[in-house]
N, C-alpha and C. Protein backbone atom coordinates (compact mmCIF):
# COMPACT_ATOMS: atom_id res chain seq x y z
N MET A 1 -43.32 13.65 -13.12
CA MET A 1 -42.63 12.96 -14.19
C MET A 1 -41.14 13.34 -14.19
N ARG A 2 -40.88 14.63 -13.97
CA ARG A 2 -39.50 15.10 -13.97
C ARG A 2 -38.73 14.50 -12.79
N ILE A 3 -39.38 14.39 -11.63
CA ILE A 3 -38.73 13.83 -10.45
C ILE A 3 -38.42 12.35 -10.67
N LEU A 4 -39.33 11.63 -11.31
CA LEU A 4 -39.10 10.22 -11.60
C LEU A 4 -37.92 10.05 -12.55
N ALA A 5 -37.82 10.88 -13.56
CA ALA A 5 -36.71 10.81 -14.51
C ALA A 5 -35.38 11.12 -13.81
N LEU A 6 -35.37 12.10 -12.93
CA LEU A 6 -34.14 12.43 -12.19
C LEU A 6 -33.76 11.31 -11.23
N ALA A 7 -34.74 10.67 -10.61
CA ALA A 7 -34.46 9.56 -9.71
C ALA A 7 -33.86 8.38 -10.47
N ILE A 8 -34.41 8.08 -11.63
CA ILE A 8 -33.88 6.99 -12.46
C ILE A 8 -32.46 7.32 -12.91
N LEU A 9 -32.24 8.54 -13.32
CA LEU A 9 -30.91 8.98 -13.74
C LEU A 9 -29.90 8.86 -12.59
N ALA A 10 -30.31 9.24 -11.39
CA ALA A 10 -29.43 9.15 -10.22
C ALA A 10 -29.07 7.71 -9.92
N VAL A 11 -30.05 6.80 -9.99
CA VAL A 11 -29.80 5.39 -9.73
C VAL A 11 -28.85 4.81 -10.78
N VAL A 12 -29.04 5.16 -12.03
CA VAL A 12 -28.16 4.67 -13.10
C VAL A 12 -26.74 5.19 -12.89
N MET A 13 -26.58 6.45 -12.54
CA MET A 13 -25.26 7.03 -12.34
C MET A 13 -24.55 6.38 -11.15
N LEU A 14 -25.27 6.10 -10.09
CA LEU A 14 -24.67 5.44 -8.93
C LEU A 14 -24.28 4.00 -9.26
N GLY A 15 -25.03 3.36 -10.12
CA GLY A 15 -24.73 2.00 -10.51
C GLY A 15 -23.49 1.91 -11.39
N LYS A 16 -23.15 2.97 -12.09
CA LYS A 16 -21.99 2.98 -12.99
C LYS A 16 -20.68 3.26 -12.28
N THR A 17 -20.72 3.80 -11.10
CA THR A 17 -19.48 4.13 -10.40
C THR A 17 -18.84 2.87 -9.83
N ALA A 18 -17.53 2.84 -9.83
CA ALA A 18 -16.79 1.70 -9.29
C ALA A 18 -16.69 1.85 -7.78
N PRO A 19 -16.70 0.75 -7.06
CA PRO A 19 -16.55 0.84 -5.61
C PRO A 19 -15.15 1.32 -5.23
N ALA A 20 -15.08 2.12 -4.22
CA ALA A 20 -13.79 2.64 -3.78
C ALA A 20 -13.05 1.57 -2.98
N GLN A 21 -11.75 1.47 -3.26
CA GLN A 21 -10.92 0.53 -2.53
C GLN A 21 -9.86 1.31 -1.76
N ALA A 22 -9.66 0.95 -0.54
CA ALA A 22 -8.66 1.63 0.28
C ALA A 22 -7.28 1.10 -0.07
N GLN A 23 -6.37 2.01 -0.33
CA GLN A 23 -4.98 1.63 -0.56
C GLN A 23 -4.28 1.63 0.79
N THR A 24 -3.75 0.50 1.14
CA THR A 24 -3.05 0.44 2.42
C THR A 24 -1.60 0.05 2.19
N TYR A 25 -0.76 0.65 2.94
CA TYR A 25 0.66 0.33 2.93
C TYR A 25 0.97 -0.31 4.27
N ASP A 26 1.62 -1.46 4.25
CA ASP A 26 1.99 -2.11 5.50
C ASP A 26 3.21 -1.39 6.07
N PRO A 27 3.10 -0.76 7.22
CA PRO A 27 4.22 0.00 7.77
C PRO A 27 5.37 -0.86 8.27
N ASN A 28 5.23 -2.19 8.19
CA ASN A 28 6.29 -3.08 8.66
C ASN A 28 7.34 -3.38 7.59
N TYR A 29 7.09 -3.01 6.34
CA TYR A 29 8.01 -3.31 5.25
C TYR A 29 8.40 -2.04 4.51
N PRO A 30 9.69 -1.88 4.20
CA PRO A 30 10.15 -0.64 3.57
C PRO A 30 9.93 -0.56 2.07
N VAL A 31 9.62 -1.68 1.40
CA VAL A 31 9.49 -1.68 -0.06
C VAL A 31 8.15 -2.29 -0.45
N CYS A 32 7.50 -1.67 -1.44
CA CYS A 32 6.21 -2.15 -1.95
C CYS A 32 6.33 -2.47 -3.44
N LEU A 33 5.55 -3.42 -3.87
CA LEU A 33 5.44 -3.77 -5.28
C LEU A 33 4.13 -3.18 -5.80
N GLN A 34 4.23 -2.30 -6.78
CA GLN A 34 3.04 -1.70 -7.38
C GLN A 34 2.70 -2.52 -8.62
N ILE A 35 1.55 -3.18 -8.59
CA ILE A 35 1.15 -4.10 -9.65
C ILE A 35 0.02 -3.47 -10.46
N TYR A 36 0.24 -3.41 -11.78
CA TYR A 36 -0.75 -2.81 -12.68
C TYR A 36 -1.68 -3.89 -13.22
N GLN A 37 -2.98 -3.59 -13.16
CA GLN A 37 -4.00 -4.51 -13.69
C GLN A 37 -4.59 -3.96 -14.99
N GLY A 38 -4.36 -2.73 -15.28
CA GLY A 38 -4.87 -2.08 -16.48
C GLY A 38 -4.13 -0.78 -16.66
N MET A 39 -4.64 0.08 -17.51
CA MET A 39 -3.96 1.34 -17.78
C MET A 39 -3.89 2.24 -16.55
N VAL A 40 -4.94 2.28 -15.77
CA VAL A 40 -4.96 3.15 -14.59
C VAL A 40 -5.33 2.41 -13.31
N ASP A 41 -5.46 1.10 -13.38
CA ASP A 41 -5.86 0.31 -12.22
C ASP A 41 -4.64 -0.43 -11.67
N TYR A 42 -4.33 -0.21 -10.41
CA TYR A 42 -3.17 -0.86 -9.80
C TYR A 42 -3.41 -1.04 -8.31
N TYR A 43 -2.57 -1.87 -7.70
CA TYR A 43 -2.61 -2.06 -6.25
C TYR A 43 -1.19 -2.29 -5.75
N PHE A 44 -1.02 -2.25 -4.43
CA PHE A 44 0.28 -2.39 -3.81
C PHE A 44 0.35 -3.64 -2.95
N GLU A 45 1.51 -4.29 -3.00
CA GLU A 45 1.84 -5.39 -2.09
C GLU A 45 3.06 -4.95 -1.31
N CYS A 46 2.89 -4.62 -0.06
CA CYS A 46 4.01 -4.16 0.77
C CYS A 46 4.44 -5.31 1.67
N ARG A 47 5.36 -6.11 1.16
CA ARG A 47 5.88 -7.23 1.96
C ARG A 47 7.32 -7.57 1.61
N TYR A 48 8.08 -6.55 1.22
CA TYR A 48 9.46 -6.76 0.82
C TYR A 48 10.40 -5.96 1.71
N THR A 49 11.55 -6.57 2.01
CA THR A 49 12.52 -5.93 2.89
C THR A 49 13.63 -5.22 2.13
N SER A 50 13.72 -5.45 0.81
CA SER A 50 14.75 -4.78 0.01
C SER A 50 14.27 -4.62 -1.43
N ILE A 51 14.90 -3.68 -2.13
CA ILE A 51 14.56 -3.45 -3.54
C ILE A 51 14.90 -4.69 -4.38
N PRO A 52 16.08 -5.33 -4.24
CA PRO A 52 16.35 -6.53 -5.04
C PRO A 52 15.34 -7.66 -4.81
N GLN A 53 14.90 -7.83 -3.58
CA GLN A 53 13.89 -8.85 -3.30
C GLN A 53 12.60 -8.53 -4.04
N CYS A 54 12.21 -7.27 -4.04
CA CYS A 54 11.00 -6.84 -4.74
C CYS A 54 11.16 -6.99 -6.25
N GLN A 55 12.33 -6.61 -6.77
CA GLN A 55 12.57 -6.70 -8.21
C GLN A 55 12.50 -8.13 -8.71
N ALA A 56 12.91 -9.08 -7.89
CA ALA A 56 12.80 -10.49 -8.28
C ALA A 56 11.34 -10.89 -8.45
N SER A 57 10.48 -10.36 -7.60
CA SER A 57 9.06 -10.65 -7.70
C SER A 57 8.40 -9.90 -8.87
N ALA A 58 8.92 -8.72 -9.18
CA ALA A 58 8.35 -7.90 -10.25
C ALA A 58 8.77 -8.36 -11.64
N SER A 59 9.83 -9.16 -11.72
CA SER A 59 10.38 -9.59 -13.00
C SER A 59 9.33 -10.29 -13.86
N GLY A 60 9.16 -9.80 -15.08
CA GLY A 60 8.22 -10.40 -16.03
C GLY A 60 6.78 -10.02 -15.81
N ARG A 61 6.52 -9.11 -14.91
CA ARG A 61 5.14 -8.68 -14.61
C ARG A 61 5.00 -7.19 -14.92
N ALA A 62 3.79 -6.75 -15.04
CA ALA A 62 3.51 -5.32 -15.19
C ALA A 62 3.51 -4.72 -13.78
N ALA A 63 4.73 -4.50 -13.26
CA ALA A 63 4.86 -4.06 -11.87
C ALA A 63 6.16 -3.29 -11.71
N GLN A 64 6.23 -2.52 -10.64
CA GLN A 64 7.46 -1.81 -10.29
C GLN A 64 7.58 -1.72 -8.78
N CYS A 65 8.81 -1.58 -8.32
CA CYS A 65 9.08 -1.49 -6.89
C CYS A 65 9.15 -0.02 -6.48
N VAL A 66 8.53 0.29 -5.35
CA VAL A 66 8.53 1.66 -4.83
C VAL A 66 8.85 1.62 -3.34
N VAL A 67 9.42 2.70 -2.86
CA VAL A 67 9.71 2.83 -1.44
C VAL A 67 8.41 3.12 -0.71
N ASN A 68 8.18 2.43 0.39
CA ASN A 68 6.96 2.59 1.18
C ASN A 68 7.02 3.93 1.93
N PRO A 69 6.14 4.88 1.59
CA PRO A 69 6.19 6.18 2.26
C PRO A 69 5.72 6.13 3.72
N TYR A 70 5.10 5.03 4.11
CA TYR A 70 4.58 4.91 5.48
C TYR A 70 5.36 3.90 6.31
N TYR A 71 6.56 3.57 5.88
CA TYR A 71 7.37 2.60 6.61
C TYR A 71 7.73 3.16 7.97
N ALA A 72 7.42 2.40 9.00
CA ALA A 72 7.74 2.81 10.37
C ALA A 72 9.06 2.16 10.76
N LYS A 73 10.12 2.93 10.68
CA LYS A 73 11.44 2.39 10.99
C LYS A 73 11.47 1.91 12.43
N PRO A 74 12.14 0.76 12.64
CA PRO A 74 12.21 0.25 14.01
C PRO A 74 12.99 1.22 14.90
N VAL A 75 12.51 1.39 16.09
CA VAL A 75 13.16 2.27 17.04
C VAL A 75 14.32 1.51 17.67
N PRO A 76 15.53 2.08 17.61
CA PRO A 76 16.67 1.36 18.21
C PRO A 76 16.52 1.27 19.72
N ARG A 77 16.88 0.12 20.23
CA ARG A 77 16.81 -0.09 21.68
C ARG A 77 17.98 0.59 22.35
N LYS A 78 17.70 1.18 23.46
CA LYS A 78 18.78 1.78 24.24
C LYS A 78 19.46 0.67 25.02
N LYS A 79 20.78 0.76 25.04
CA LYS A 79 21.53 -0.23 25.80
C LYS A 79 21.29 -0.02 27.28
N ARG A 80 21.06 -1.07 27.92
CA ARG A 80 20.79 -1.01 29.35
C ARG A 80 22.12 -0.96 30.10
N ARG A 81 22.21 0.00 30.92
CA ARG A 81 23.44 0.17 31.66
C ARG A 81 23.38 -0.65 32.93
N THR A 82 24.38 -1.45 33.12
CA THR A 82 24.44 -2.21 34.35
C THR A 82 25.45 -1.57 35.27
N SER A 83 25.13 -1.53 36.49
CA SER A 83 26.05 -0.92 37.45
C SER A 83 27.00 -1.98 37.96
N LYS A 84 28.25 -1.65 37.92
CA LYS A 84 29.28 -2.57 38.40
C LYS A 84 29.78 -2.03 39.74
N SER A 85 29.86 -2.91 40.64
CA SER A 85 30.37 -2.46 41.94
C SER A 85 31.90 -2.56 41.94
N HIS A 86 32.52 -1.53 42.38
CA HIS A 86 33.98 -1.48 42.45
C HIS A 86 34.42 -1.71 43.89
N ARG A 87 35.39 -2.52 44.07
CA ARG A 87 35.87 -2.80 45.42
C ARG A 87 37.13 -2.08 45.70
C-alpha cells in the first residue's frame, strides 16, 4: 500500500513539472531581444545587428535588448599579397 501511494505521488509530481526548454543564442547576431511572457517566463530572439534596431522591435512590448554573450565575431580576412615582378 505504501509503495502504491509513493508511486502515485511520484507520477503526480512529475506531471506538475514544466517541460524544460533550451535557451539558444544565435551566434550570428550580436544583439538579442529578451521577451517576457510572465513574471519569470521569458525567451530570446537573437536576430538583431544593432541595439537601435532591437529597441525599435522592443518598443511597446514587455521586452529589453541585451548583448548576445555567444556572438561569434567575424574573423577578419587577411589581405592576400600579390607578388609584383620588377623589371
